[in-house]
Amino acid sequence: MKKQDFIKAVASAAGLSQDAVSKALNTMVDVITAELKAGKEVNVTGFGAFKVSKRAARNGVNPRTGAKISIPAMKTPVFRAGKTLKENVR
């Protein structure tokens, strides 16, 4: 399902306009992004949690040349599904 399909489905199910759902979805993504940038965690009860995970620096290999490379430490966003979402998917 693509973003536009998701917006149409939510608008239909909630009886809202697609424009209103699109604005709400974009705002939700912006708020989650801002919180993650600030190093905070976002919990949506029944759905899941978004947080930032730190990856340590490590050594790797360039698959094309076989040369060893150094991969720097970085932060990456992580989503952990909540209990209710997991049970509904199963």
Protein backbone atom coordinates (compact mmCIF):
# COMPACT_ATOMS: atom_id res chain seq x y z
CA MET A 1 0.00 0.00 0.00
CA LYS A 2 1.43 3.35 -1.01
CA LYS A 3 1.01 6.58 0.92
CA GLN A 4 -1.79 7.88 -1.32
CA ASP A 5 -3.67 4.57 -1.05
CA PHE A 6 -3.29 4.71 2.74
CA ILE A 7 -4.67 8.27 2.80
CA LYS A 8 -7.69 7.23 0.71
CA ALA A 9 -8.40 4.23 2.95
CA VAL A 10 -8.18 6.27 6.18
CA ALA A 11 -10.30 9.07 4.73
CA SER A 12 -12.96 6.58 3.66
CA ALA A 13 -12.98 4.72 6.98
CA ALA A 14 -13.03 7.88 9.10
CA GLY A 15 -15.41 9.90 6.93
CA LEU A 16 -12.86 12.68 6.47
CA SER A 17 -11.51 14.44 3.42
CA GLN A 18 -8.32 13.15 1.86
CA ASP A 19 -6.77 16.61 2.33
CA ALA A 20 -7.41 16.53 6.09
CA VAL A 21 -5.99 13.01 6.43
CA SER A 22 -2.96 13.95 4.34
CA LYS A 23 -2.22 16.97 6.53
CA ALA A 24 -2.63 14.91 9.70
CA LEU A 25 -0.37 12.14 8.39
CA ASN A 26 2.34 14.58 7.27
CA THR A 27 2.18 16.37 10.62
CA MET A 28 2.44 13.05 12.48
CA VAL A 29 5.54 12.09 10.49
CA ASP A 30 7.07 15.55 11.12
CA VAL A 31 6.46 15.31 14.88
CA ILE A 32 7.89 11.79 15.11
CA THR A 33 10.95 12.88 13.09
CA ALA A 34 11.52 15.92 15.31
CA GLU A 35 11.27 13.82 18.49
CA LEU A 36 13.70 11.23 17.13
CA LYS A 37 16.14 13.98 16.10
CA ALA A 38 16.00 15.24 19.69
CA GLY A 39 16.90 11.73 20.89
CA LYS A 40 13.50 11.01 22.40
CA GLU A 41 11.22 8.00 22.04
CA VAL A 42 7.66 8.12 20.67
CA ASN A 43 5.20 5.52 22.02
CA VAL A 44 1.81 4.96 20.41
CA THR A 45 -0.10 2.65 22.75
CA GLY A 46 -1.41 -0.41 20.95
CA PHE A 47 0.66 0.31 17.84
CA GLY A 48 4.32 0.50 18.74
CA ALA A 49 7.32 2.62 19.63
CA PHE A 50 9.75 4.64 17.56
CA LYS A 51 13.22 5.20 18.98
CA VAL A 52 16.79 5.94 17.93
CA SER A 53 19.33 3.14 18.07
CA LYS A 54 23.07 3.74 18.09
CA ARG A 55 25.23 1.55 15.88
CA ALA A 56 28.86 1.16 16.87
CA ALA A 57 31.67 1.76 14.39
CA ARG A 58 32.70 -1.42 12.63
CA ASN A 59 34.87 -2.79 9.87
CA GLY A 60 33.38 -3.96 6.59
CA VAL A 61 34.37 -5.19 3.17
CA ASN A 62 33.58 -3.57 -0.17
CA PRO A 63 31.89 -6.44 -2.05
CA ARG A 64 33.01 -5.11 -5.41
CA THR A 65 36.73 -4.75 -4.69
CA GLY A 66 37.19 -6.82 -1.54
CA ALA A 67 38.90 -3.83 0.11
CA LYS A 68 38.45 -3.41 3.84
CA ILE A 69 36.58 -0.26 4.87
CA SER A 70 35.74 1.42 8.14
CA ILE A 71 32.04 2.07 8.74
CA PRO A 72 31.55 4.97 11.18
CA ALA A 73 29.21 4.93 14.18
CA MET A 74 25.72 6.22 13.40
CA LYS A 75 22.22 6.64 14.72
CA THR A 76 19.31 4.90 13.03
CA PRO A 77 15.52 5.00 13.60
CA VAL A 78 13.92 1.79 14.90
CA PHE A 79 10.27 0.77 15.14
CA ARG A 80 9.22 -1.83 17.69
CA ALA A 81 5.70 -3.18 17.18
CA GLY A 82 3.37 -3.11 20.19
CA LYS A 83 1.65 -6.12 21.70
CA THR A 84 -1.79 -5.29 20.25
CA LEU A 85 -0.41 -4.85 16.72
CA LYS A 86 1.53 -8.11 16.95
CA GLU A 87 -1.53 -10.03 18.15
CA ASN A 88 -3.76 -8.58 15.41
CA VAL A 89 -1.27 -9.47 12.69
CA ARG A 90 -0.90 -13.03 13.94
